[in-house]
Full PDB file with SEQRES, HELIX, SHEET, SSBOND, CRYST1, ORIGX, SCALE, CONECT and MASTER records, all heavy atoms in Angstrom:
SEQRES   1 A   34  ASN THR ILE TYR LYS LEU ARG LYS LEU LEU LYS GLU GLU          
SEQRES   2 A   34  GLU ILE ASP ALA LEU ILE VAL VAL GLU THR LEU CYS SER          
SEQRES   3 A   34  GLN PHE THR ILE PRO ALA PRO LEU                              
HELIX    1 AA1 THR A    2  GLU A   13  1                                  12    
HELIX    2 AA2 THR A   23  CYS A   25  5                                   3    
HELIX    3 AA3 SER A   26  THR A   29  1                                   4    
CRYST1    1.000    1.000    1.000  90.00  90.00  90.00 P 1           1          
ORIGX1      1.000000  0.000000  0.000000        0.00000                         
ORIGX2      0.000000  1.000000  0.000000        0.00000                         
ORIGX3      0.000000  0.000000  1.000000        0.00000                         
SCALE1      1.000000  0.000000  0.000000        0.00000                         
SCALE2      0.000000  1.000000  0.000000        0.00000                         
SCALE3      0.000000  0.000000  1.000000        0.00000                         
ATOM      1  N   ASN A   1     -27.488 242.390 -98.049  1.00  0.00           N  
ATOM      2  CA  ASN A   1     -28.752 241.712 -98.349  1.00  0.00           C  
ATOM      3  C   ASN A   1     -29.306 240.996 -97.129  1.00  0.00           C  
ATOM      4  O   ASN A   1     -30.519 240.979 -96.905  1.00  0.00           O  
ATOM      5  CB  ASN A   1     -28.589 240.724 -99.506  1.00  0.00           C  
ATOM      6  CG  ASN A   1     -28.528 241.413-100.849  1.00  0.00           C  
ATOM      7  OD1 ASN A   1     -28.844 242.576-100.971  1.00  0.00           O  
ATOM      8  ND2 ASN A   1     -28.107 240.683-101.856  1.00  0.00           N  
ATOM      9  N   THR A   2     -28.430 240.402 -96.332  1.00  0.00           N  
ATOM     10  CA  THR A   2     -28.867 239.714 -95.118  1.00  0.00           C  
ATOM     11  C   THR A   2     -29.415 240.722 -94.105  1.00  0.00           C  
ATOM     12  O   THR A   2     -30.431 240.471 -93.462  1.00  0.00           O  
ATOM     13  CB  THR A   2     -27.715 238.894 -94.513  1.00  0.00           C  
ATOM     14  OG1 THR A   2     -27.254 237.961 -95.503  1.00  0.00           O  
ATOM     15  CG2 THR A   2     -28.151 238.139 -93.287  1.00  0.00           C  
ATOM     16  N   ILE A   3     -28.764 241.866 -93.969  1.00  0.00           N  
ATOM     17  CA  ILE A   3     -29.259 242.920 -93.079  1.00  0.00           C  
ATOM     18  C   ILE A   3     -30.625 243.404 -93.563  1.00  0.00           C  
ATOM     19  O   ILE A   3     -31.551 243.583 -92.765  1.00  0.00           O  
ATOM     20  CB  ILE A   3     -28.256 244.086 -92.987  1.00  0.00           C  
ATOM     21  CG1 ILE A   3     -26.982 243.619 -92.280  1.00  0.00           C  
ATOM     22  CG2 ILE A   3     -28.874 245.292 -92.268  1.00  0.00           C  
ATOM     23  CD1 ILE A   3     -25.829 244.588 -92.378  1.00  0.00           C  
ATOM     24  N   TYR A   4     -30.767 243.586 -94.856  1.00  0.00           N  
ATOM     25  CA  TYR A   4     -32.047 244.010 -95.432  1.00  0.00           C  
ATOM     26  C   TYR A   4     -33.145 242.984 -95.140  1.00  0.00           C  
ATOM     27  O   TYR A   4     -34.248 243.346 -94.728  1.00  0.00           O  
ATOM     28  CB  TYR A   4     -31.905 244.219 -96.942  1.00  0.00           C  
ATOM     29  CG  TYR A   4     -33.218 244.434 -97.634  1.00  0.00           C  
ATOM     30  CD1 TYR A   4     -33.870 245.663 -97.559  1.00  0.00           C  
ATOM     31  CD2 TYR A   4     -33.833 243.402 -98.333  1.00  0.00           C  
ATOM     32  CE1 TYR A   4     -35.100 245.859 -98.175  1.00  0.00           C  
ATOM     33  CE2 TYR A   4     -35.051 243.588 -98.951  1.00  0.00           C  
ATOM     34  CZ  TYR A   4     -35.681 244.817 -98.872  1.00  0.00           C  
ATOM     35  OH  TYR A   4     -36.894 244.995 -99.470  1.00  0.00           O  
ATOM     36  N   LYS A   5     -32.840 241.692 -95.327  1.00  0.00           N  
ATOM     37  CA  LYS A   5     -33.833 240.637 -95.080  1.00  0.00           C  
ATOM     38  C   LYS A   5     -34.216 240.576 -93.606  1.00  0.00           C  
ATOM     39  O   LYS A   5     -35.375 240.358 -93.262  1.00  0.00           O  
ATOM     40  CB  LYS A   5     -33.300 239.289 -95.545  1.00  0.00           C  
ATOM     41  CG  LYS A   5     -33.214 239.171 -97.047  1.00  0.00           C  
ATOM     42  CD  LYS A   5     -32.578 237.853 -97.447  1.00  0.00           C  
ATOM     43  CE  LYS A   5     -32.320 237.808 -98.936  1.00  0.00           C  
ATOM     44  NZ  LYS A   5     -31.590 236.596 -99.329  1.00  0.00           N  
ATOM     45  N   LEU A   6     -33.236 240.779 -92.732  1.00  0.00           N  
ATOM     46  CA  LEU A   6     -33.513 240.788 -91.299  1.00  0.00           C  
ATOM     47  C   LEU A   6     -34.378 241.982 -90.926  1.00  0.00           C  
ATOM     48  O   LEU A   6     -35.344 241.855 -90.182  1.00  0.00           O  
ATOM     49  CB  LEU A   6     -32.205 240.799 -90.512  1.00  0.00           C  
ATOM     50  CG  LEU A   6     -32.303 240.765 -89.004  1.00  0.00           C  
ATOM     51  CD1 LEU A   6     -33.075 239.539 -88.523  1.00  0.00           C  
ATOM     52  CD2 LEU A   6     -30.915 240.781 -88.389  1.00  0.00           C  
ATOM     53  N   ARG A   7     -34.071 243.154 -91.472  1.00  0.00           N  
ATOM     54  CA  ARG A   7     -34.874 244.357 -91.206  1.00  0.00           C  
ATOM     55  C   ARG A   7     -36.309 244.166 -91.695  1.00  0.00           C  
ATOM     56  O   ARG A   7     -37.266 244.517 -91.008  1.00  0.00           O  
ATOM     57  CB  ARG A   7     -34.238 245.557 -91.893  1.00  0.00           C  
ATOM     58  CG  ARG A   7     -34.996 246.854 -91.662  1.00  0.00           C  
ATOM     59  CD  ARG A   7     -34.288 248.023 -92.259  1.00  0.00           C  
ATOM     60  NE  ARG A   7     -33.088 248.283 -91.461  1.00  0.00           N  
ATOM     61  CZ  ARG A   7     -32.035 248.956 -91.903  1.00  0.00           C  
ATOM     62  NH1 ARG A   7     -32.023 249.415 -93.120  1.00  0.00           N  
ATOM     63  NH2 ARG A   7     -31.008 249.167 -91.116  1.00  0.00           N  
ATOM     64  N   LYS A   8     -36.441 243.578 -92.870  1.00  0.00           N  
ATOM     65  CA  LYS A   8     -37.769 243.311 -93.439  1.00  0.00           C  
ATOM     66  C   LYS A   8     -38.548 242.334 -92.557  1.00  0.00           C  
ATOM     67  O   LYS A   8     -39.737 242.517 -92.306  1.00  0.00           O  
ATOM     68  CB  LYS A   8     -37.597 242.746 -94.850  1.00  0.00           C  
ATOM     69  CG  LYS A   8     -38.870 242.552 -95.592  1.00  0.00           C  
ATOM     70  CD  LYS A   8     -38.572 242.064 -97.012  1.00  0.00           C  
ATOM     71  CE  LYS A   8     -39.854 241.754 -97.737  1.00  0.00           C  
ATOM     72  NZ  LYS A   8     -39.623 241.223 -99.079  1.00  0.00           N  
ATOM     73  N   LEU A   9     -37.869 241.299 -92.052  1.00  0.00           N  
ATOM     74  CA  LEU A   9     -38.503 240.323 -91.161  1.00  0.00           C  
ATOM     75  C   LEU A   9     -38.964 240.985 -89.867  1.00  0.00           C  
ATOM     76  O   LEU A   9     -40.065 240.715 -89.378  1.00  0.00           O  
ATOM     77  CB  LEU A   9     -37.528 239.178 -90.875  1.00  0.00           C  
ATOM     78  CG  LEU A   9     -38.005 238.051 -89.991  1.00  0.00           C  
ATOM     79  CD1 LEU A   9     -39.142 237.277 -90.660  1.00  0.00           C  
ATOM     80  CD2 LEU A   9     -36.850 237.102 -89.669  1.00  0.00           C  
ATOM     81  N   LEU A  10     -38.135 241.861 -89.308  1.00  0.00           N  
ATOM     82  CA  LEU A  10     -38.502 242.576 -88.079  1.00  0.00           C  
ATOM     83  C   LEU A  10     -39.787 243.373 -88.271  1.00  0.00           C  
ATOM     84  O   LEU A  10     -40.668 243.368 -87.413  1.00  0.00           O  
ATOM     85  CB  LEU A  10     -37.377 243.521 -87.652  1.00  0.00           C  
ATOM     86  CG  LEU A  10     -36.100 242.898 -87.110  1.00  0.00           C  
ATOM     87  CD1 LEU A  10     -35.006 243.952 -86.984  1.00  0.00           C  
ATOM     88  CD2 LEU A  10     -36.348 242.220 -85.785  1.00  0.00           C  
ATOM     89  N   LYS A  11     -39.902 244.047 -89.394  1.00  0.00           N  
ATOM     90  CA  LYS A  11     -41.072 244.886 -89.661  1.00  0.00           C  
ATOM     91  C   LYS A  11     -42.306 244.051 -89.987  1.00  0.00           C  
ATOM     92  O   LYS A  11     -43.377 244.283 -89.441  1.00  0.00           O  
ATOM     93  CB  LYS A  11     -40.784 245.850 -90.811  1.00  0.00           C  
ATOM     94  CG  LYS A  11     -39.806 246.932 -90.447  1.00  0.00           C  
ATOM     95  CD  LYS A  11     -39.553 247.855 -91.616  1.00  0.00           C  
ATOM     96  CE  LYS A  11     -38.538 248.917 -91.241  1.00  0.00           C  
ATOM     97  NZ  LYS A  11     -38.258 249.821 -92.358  1.00  0.00           N  
ATOM     98  N   GLU A  12     -42.160 243.093 -90.896  1.00  0.00           N  
ATOM     99  CA  GLU A  12     -43.316 242.302 -91.329  1.00  0.00           C  
ATOM    100  C   GLU A  12     -43.892 241.450 -90.211  1.00  0.00           C  
ATOM    101  O   GLU A  12     -45.107 241.298 -90.100  1.00  0.00           O  
ATOM    102  CB  GLU A  12     -42.928 241.408 -92.509  1.00  0.00           C  
ATOM    103  CG  GLU A  12     -42.721 242.167 -93.800  1.00  0.00           C  
ATOM    104  CD  GLU A  12     -42.282 241.279 -94.944  1.00  0.00           C  
ATOM    105  OE1 GLU A  12     -42.042 240.067 -94.733  1.00  0.00           O  
ATOM    106  OE2 GLU A  12     -42.171 241.802 -96.064  1.00  0.00           O  
ATOM    107  N   GLU A  13     -43.043 240.887 -89.382  1.00  0.00           N  
ATOM    108  CA  GLU A  13     -43.505 240.016 -88.302  1.00  0.00           C  
ATOM    109  C   GLU A  13     -43.795 240.773 -87.016  1.00  0.00           C  
ATOM    110  O   GLU A  13     -44.237 240.181 -86.042  1.00  0.00           O  
ATOM    111  CB  GLU A  13     -42.466 238.912 -88.036  1.00  0.00           C  
ATOM    112  CG  GLU A  13     -42.286 237.949 -89.181  1.00  0.00           C  
ATOM    113  CD  GLU A  13     -43.464 237.015 -89.359  1.00  0.00           C  
ATOM    114  OE1 GLU A  13     -44.281 236.864 -88.424  1.00  0.00           O  
ATOM    115  OE2 GLU A  13     -43.579 236.427 -90.445  1.00  0.00           O  
ATOM    116  N   GLU A  14     -43.502 242.071 -86.987  1.00  0.00           N  
ATOM    117  CA  GLU A  14     -43.721 242.907 -85.801  1.00  0.00           C  
ATOM    118  C   GLU A  14     -43.077 242.286 -84.561  1.00  0.00           C  
ATOM    119  O   GLU A  14     -43.726 242.017 -83.550  1.00  0.00           O  
ATOM    120  CB  GLU A  14     -45.202 243.173 -85.602  1.00  0.00           C  
ATOM    121  CG  GLU A  14     -45.838 243.907 -86.759  1.00  0.00           C  
ATOM    122  CD  GLU A  14     -47.330 244.121 -86.600  1.00  0.00           C  
ATOM    123  OE1 GLU A  14     -47.926 243.565 -85.654  1.00  0.00           O  
ATOM    124  OE2 GLU A  14     -47.904 244.843 -87.425  1.00  0.00           O  
ATOM    125  N   ILE A  15     -41.776 242.102 -84.650  1.00  0.00           N  
ATOM    126  CA  ILE A  15     -40.991 241.449 -83.594  1.00  0.00           C  
ATOM    127  C   ILE A  15     -40.905 242.353 -82.367  1.00  0.00           C  
ATOM    128  O   ILE A  15     -40.640 243.546 -82.475  1.00  0.00           O  
ATOM    129  CB  ILE A  15     -39.574 241.119 -84.123  1.00  0.00           C  
ATOM    130  CG1 ILE A  15     -39.643 240.169 -85.324  1.00  0.00           C  
ATOM    131  CG2 ILE A  15     -38.695 240.564 -83.020  1.00  0.00           C  
ATOM    132  CD1 ILE A  15     -40.253 238.826 -85.035  1.00  0.00           C  
ATOM    133  N   ASP A  16     -41.117 241.756 -81.195  1.00  0.00           N  
ATOM    134  CA  ASP A  16     -41.013 242.478 -79.929  1.00  0.00           C  
ATOM    135  C   ASP A  16     -39.632 242.356 -79.299  1.00  0.00           C  
ATOM    136  O   ASP A  16     -39.177 243.262 -78.612  1.00  0.00           O  
ATOM    137  CB  ASP A  16     -42.051 241.944 -78.930  1.00  0.00           C  
ATOM    138  CG  ASP A  16     -43.462 242.158 -79.418  1.00  0.00           C  
ATOM    139  OD1 ASP A  16     -43.798 243.308 -79.751  1.00  0.00           O  
ATOM    140  OD2 ASP A  16     -44.227 241.173 -79.487  1.00  0.00           O  
ATOM    141  N   ALA A  17     -38.978 241.215 -79.490  1.00  0.00           N  
ATOM    142  CA  ALA A  17     -37.666 240.986 -78.891  1.00  0.00           C  
ATOM    143  C   ALA A  17     -36.784 240.236 -79.870  1.00  0.00           C  
ATOM    144  O   ALA A  17     -37.225 239.307 -80.532  1.00  0.00           O  
ATOM    145  CB  ALA A  17     -37.798 240.192 -77.602  1.00  0.00           C  
ATOM    146  N   LEU A  18     -35.540 240.662 -79.938  1.00  0.00           N  
ATOM    147  CA  LEU A  18     -34.551 240.039 -80.807  1.00  0.00           C  
ATOM    148  C   LEU A  18     -33.447 239.469 -79.933  1.00  0.00           C  
ATOM    149  O   LEU A  18     -32.840 240.196 -79.155  1.00  0.00           O  
ATOM    150  CB  LEU A  18     -33.984 241.077 -81.784  1.00  0.00           C  
ATOM    151  CG  LEU A  18     -32.818 240.677 -82.665  1.00  0.00           C  
ATOM    152  CD1 LEU A  18     -33.189 239.517 -83.577  1.00  0.00           C  
ATOM    153  CD2 LEU A  18     -32.357 241.865 -83.493  1.00  0.00           C  
ATOM    154  N   ILE A  19     -33.217 238.175 -80.049  1.00  0.00           N  
ATOM    155  CA  ILE A  19     -32.178 237.507 -79.256  1.00  0.00           C  
ATOM    156  C   ILE A  19     -31.131 236.959 -80.210  1.00  0.00           C  
ATOM    157  O   ILE A  19     -31.459 236.222 -81.145  1.00  0.00           O  
ATOM    158  CB  ILE A  19     -32.769 236.365 -78.406  1.00  0.00           C  
ATOM    159  CG1 ILE A  19     -33.817 236.907 -77.443  1.00  0.00           C  
ATOM    160  CG2 ILE A  19     -31.652 235.636 -77.654  1.00  0.00           C  
ATOM    161  CD1 ILE A  19     -34.595 235.828 -76.712  1.00  0.00           C  
ATOM    162  N   VAL A  20     -29.888 237.329 -79.973  1.00  0.00           N  
ATOM    163  CA  VAL A  20     -28.781 236.878 -80.799  1.00  0.00           C  
ATOM    164  C   VAL A  20     -28.002 235.846 -80.000  1.00  0.00           C  
ATOM    165  O   VAL A  20     -27.506 236.133 -78.925  1.00  0.00           O  
ATOM    166  CB  VAL A  20     -27.858 238.053 -81.185  1.00  0.00           C  
ATOM    167  CG1 VAL A  20     -26.772 237.589 -82.137  1.00  0.00           C  
ATOM    168  CG2 VAL A  20     -28.660 239.174 -81.789  1.00  0.00           C  
ATOM    169  N   VAL A  21     -27.918 234.639 -80.535  1.00  0.00           N  
ATOM    170  CA  VAL A  21     -27.296 233.549 -79.800  1.00  0.00           C  
ATOM    171  C   VAL A  21     -25.782 233.512 -80.021  1.00  0.00           C  
ATOM    172  O   VAL A  21     -25.054 233.008 -79.197  1.00  0.00           O  
ATOM    173  CB  VAL A  21     -27.934 232.196 -80.186  1.00  0.00           C  
ATOM    174  CG1 VAL A  21     -27.285 231.042 -79.460  1.00  0.00           C  
ATOM    175  CG2 VAL A  21     -29.414 232.224 -79.892  1.00  0.00           C  
ATOM    176  N   GLU A  22     -25.327 234.088 -81.096  1.00  0.00           N  
ATOM    177  CA  GLU A  22     -23.913 234.015 -81.441  1.00  0.00           C  
ATOM    178  C   GLU A  22     -23.372 235.413 -81.720  1.00  0.00           C  
ATOM    179  O   GLU A  22     -23.954 236.173 -82.481  1.00  0.00           O  
ATOM    180  CB  GLU A  22     -23.757 233.133 -82.676  1.00  0.00           C  
ATOM    181  CG  GLU A  22     -22.364 232.743 -82.991  1.00  0.00           C  
ATOM    182  CD  GLU A  22     -22.326 231.711 -84.110  1.00  0.00           C  
ATOM    183  OE1 GLU A  22     -23.353 231.111 -84.442  1.00  0.00           O  
ATOM    184  OE2 GLU A  22     -21.256 231.532 -84.656  1.00  0.00           O  
ATOM    185  N   THR A  23     -22.256 235.743 -81.118  1.00  0.00           N  
ATOM    186  CA  THR A  23     -21.684 237.080 -81.239  1.00  0.00           C  
ATOM    187  C   THR A  23     -21.383 237.443 -82.692  1.00  0.00           C  
ATOM    188  O   THR A  23     -21.567 238.589 -83.097  1.00  0.00           O  
ATOM    189  CB  THR A  23     -20.397 237.185 -80.400  1.00  0.00           C  
ATOM    190  OG1 THR A  23     -20.697 236.792 -79.071  1.00  0.00           O  
ATOM    191  CG2 THR A  23     -19.853 238.594 -80.387  1.00  0.00           C  
ATOM    192  N   LEU A  24     -20.949 236.496 -83.506  1.00  0.00           N  
ATOM    193  CA  LEU A  24     -20.633 236.788 -84.902  1.00  0.00           C  
ATOM    194  C   LEU A  24     -21.856 237.253 -85.696  1.00  0.00           C  
ATOM    195  O   LEU A  24     -21.716 237.923 -86.713  1.00  0.00           O  
ATOM    196  CB  LEU A  24     -20.009 235.566 -85.580  1.00  0.00           C  
ATOM    197  CG  LEU A  24     -18.608 235.198 -85.110  1.00  0.00           C  
ATOM    198  CD1 LEU A  24     -18.144 233.907 -85.761  1.00  0.00           C  
ATOM    199  CD2 LEU A  24     -17.632 236.318 -85.412  1.00  0.00           C  
ATOM    200  N   CYS A  25     -23.037 236.917 -85.232  1.00  0.00           N  
ATOM    201  CA  CYS A  25     -24.269 237.357 -85.906  1.00  0.00           C  
ATOM    202  C   CYS A  25     -24.536 238.843 -85.684  1.00  0.00           C  
ATOM    203  O   CYS A  25     -25.387 239.421 -86.352  1.00  0.00           O  
ATOM    204  CB  CYS A  25     -25.456 236.541 -85.420  1.00  0.00           C  
ATOM    205  SG  CYS A  25     -25.369 234.797 -85.861  1.00  0.00           S  
ATOM    206  N   SER A  26     -23.793 239.465 -84.778  1.00  0.00           N  
ATOM    207  CA  SER A  26     -24.010 240.877 -84.461  1.00  0.00           C  
ATOM    208  C   SER A  26     -23.772 241.794 -85.653  1.00  0.00           C  
ATOM    209  O   SER A  26     -24.361 242.865 -85.738  1.00  0.00           O  
ATOM    210  CB  SER A  26     -23.114 241.311 -83.305  1.00  0.00           C  
ATOM    211  OG  SER A  26     -23.464 240.593 -82.155  1.00  0.00           O  
ATOM    212  N   GLN A  27     -22.920 241.380 -86.590  1.00  0.00           N  
ATOM    213  CA  GLN A  27     -22.693 242.212 -87.770  1.00  0.00           C  
ATOM    214  C   GLN A  27     -23.976 242.399 -88.581  1.00  0.00           C  
ATOM    215  O   GLN A  27     -24.108 243.342 -89.342  1.00  0.00           O  
ATOM    216  CB  GLN A  27     -21.592 241.621 -88.645  1.00  0.00           C  
ATOM    217  CG  GLN A  27     -21.937 240.271 -89.239  1.00  0.00           C  
ATOM    218  CD  GLN A  27     -20.803 239.696 -90.054  1.00  0.00           C  
ATOM    219  OE1 GLN A  27     -20.083 240.429 -90.719  1.00  0.00           O  
ATOM    220  NE2 GLN A  27     -20.636 238.388 -90.012  1.00  0.00           N  
ATOM    221  N   PHE A  28     -24.931 241.496 -88.391  1.00  0.00           N  
ATOM    222  CA  PHE A  28     -26.221 241.602 -89.059  1.00  0.00           C  
ATOM    223  C   PHE A  28     -27.279 242.208 -88.145  1.00  0.00           C  
ATOM    224  O   PHE A  28     -28.117 242.990 -88.578  1.00  0.00           O  
ATOM    225  CB  PHE A  28     -26.709 240.228 -89.523  1.00  0.00           C  
ATOM    226  CG  PHE A  28     -25.714 239.487 -90.361  1.00  0.00           C  
ATOM    227  CD1 PHE A  28     -24.986 238.437 -89.834  1.00  0.00           C  
ATOM    228  CD2 PHE A  28     -25.500 239.850 -91.679  1.00  0.00           C  
ATOM    229  CE1 PHE A  28     -24.068 237.757 -90.601  1.00  0.00           C  
ATOM    230  CE2 PHE A  28     -24.584 239.168 -92.458  1.00  0.00           C  
ATOM    231  CZ  PHE A  28     -23.858 238.125 -91.920  1.00  0.00           C  
ATOM    232  N   THR A  29     -27.257 241.819 -86.880  1.00  0.00           N  
ATOM    233  CA  THR A  29     -28.352 242.166 -85.975  1.00  0.00           C  
ATOM    234  C   THR A  29     -28.234 243.547 -85.343  1.00  0.00           C  
ATOM    235  O   THR A  29     -29.237 244.099 -84.902  1.00  0.00           O  
ATOM    236  CB  THR A  29     -28.478 241.117 -84.855  1.00  0.00           C  
ATOM    237  OG1 THR A  29     -27.235 241.020 -84.167  1.00  0.00           O  
ATOM    238  CG2 THR A  29     -28.862 239.773 -85.427  1.00  0.00           C  
ATOM    239  N   ILE A  30     -27.049 244.127 -85.288  1.00  0.00           N  
ATOM    240  CA  ILE A  30     -26.928 245.479 -84.725  1.00  0.00           C  
ATOM    241  C   ILE A  30     -27.455 246.525 -85.707  1.00  0.00           C  
ATOM    242  O   ILE A  30     -28.258 247.374 -85.331  1.00  0.00           O  
ATOM    243  CB  ILE A  30     -25.493 245.773 -84.258  1.00  0.00           C  
ATOM    244  CG1 ILE A  30     -25.207 244.941 -83.002  1.00  0.00           C  
ATOM    245  CG2 ILE A  30     -25.287 247.258 -83.985  1.00  0.00           C  
ATOM    246  CD1 ILE A  30     -23.791 245.026 -82.491  1.00  0.00           C  
ATOM    247  N   PRO A  31     -27.062 246.489 -86.994  1.00  0.00           N  
ATOM    248  CA  PRO A  31     -27.588 247.519 -87.896  1.00  0.00           C  
ATOM    249  C   PRO A  31     -29.042 247.309 -88.325  1.00  0.00           C  
ATOM    250  O   PRO A  31     -29.725 248.275 -88.665  1.00  0.00           O  
ATOM    251  CB  PRO A  31     -26.660 247.455 -89.120  1.00  0.00           C  
ATOM    252  CG  PRO A  31     -26.002 246.144 -89.058  1.00  0.00           C  
ATOM    253  CD  PRO A  31     -26.005 245.720 -87.626  1.00  0.00           C  
ATOM    254  N   ALA A  32     -29.527 246.091 -88.310  1.00  0.00           N  
ATOM    255  CA  ALA A  32     -30.872 245.809 -88.833  1.00  0.00           C  
ATOM    256  C   ALA A  32     -31.989 246.580 -88.130  1.00  0.00           C  
ATOM    257  O   ALA A  32     -32.843 247.154 -88.795  1.00  0.00           O  
ATOM    258  CB  ALA A  32     -31.153 244.311 -88.810  1.00  0.00           C  
ATOM    259  N   PRO A  33     -32.050 246.628 -86.800  1.00  0.00           N  
ATOM    260  CA  PRO A  33     -33.193 247.316 -86.168  1.00  0.00           C  
ATOM    261  C   PRO A  33     -33.041 248.826 -86.050  1.00  0.00           C  
ATOM    262  O   PRO A  33     -33.896 249.475 -85.463  1.00  0.00           O  
ATOM    263  CB  PRO A  33     -33.272 246.671 -84.787  1.00  0.00           C  
ATOM    264  CG  PRO A  33     -31.911 246.177 -84.499  1.00  0.00           C  
ATOM    265  CD  PRO A  33     -31.293 245.860 -85.834  1.00  0.00           C  
ATOM    266  N   LEU A  34     -32.007 249.432 -86.613  1.00  0.00           N  
ATOM    267  CA  LEU A  34     -31.781 250.862 -86.432  1.00  0.00           C  
ATOM    268  C   LEU A  34     -32.950 251.722 -86.910  1.00  0.00           C  
ATOM    269  O   LEU A  34     -33.280 252.716 -86.300  1.00  0.00           O  
ATOM    270  CB  LEU A  34     -30.488 251.296 -87.130  1.00  0.00           C  
ATOM    271  CG  LEU A  34     -29.210 250.776 -86.483  1.00  0.00           C  
ATOM    272  CD1 LEU A  34     -27.995 251.229 -87.286  1.00  0.00           C  
ATOM    273  CD2 LEU A  34     -29.085 251.214 -85.039  1.00  0.00           C  
TER     274      LEU A  34                                                      
MASTER        0    0    0    3    0    0    0    6  273    1    0    3          
END                                                                             
């Protein structure tokens, strides 16, 4: 669900750059923009 919400945010907000501050967040941020 968190990956889905992140993917939805990327699309709706038309994000140009994604910055991950914490390595543990990668489990969400790597699959989301695929």
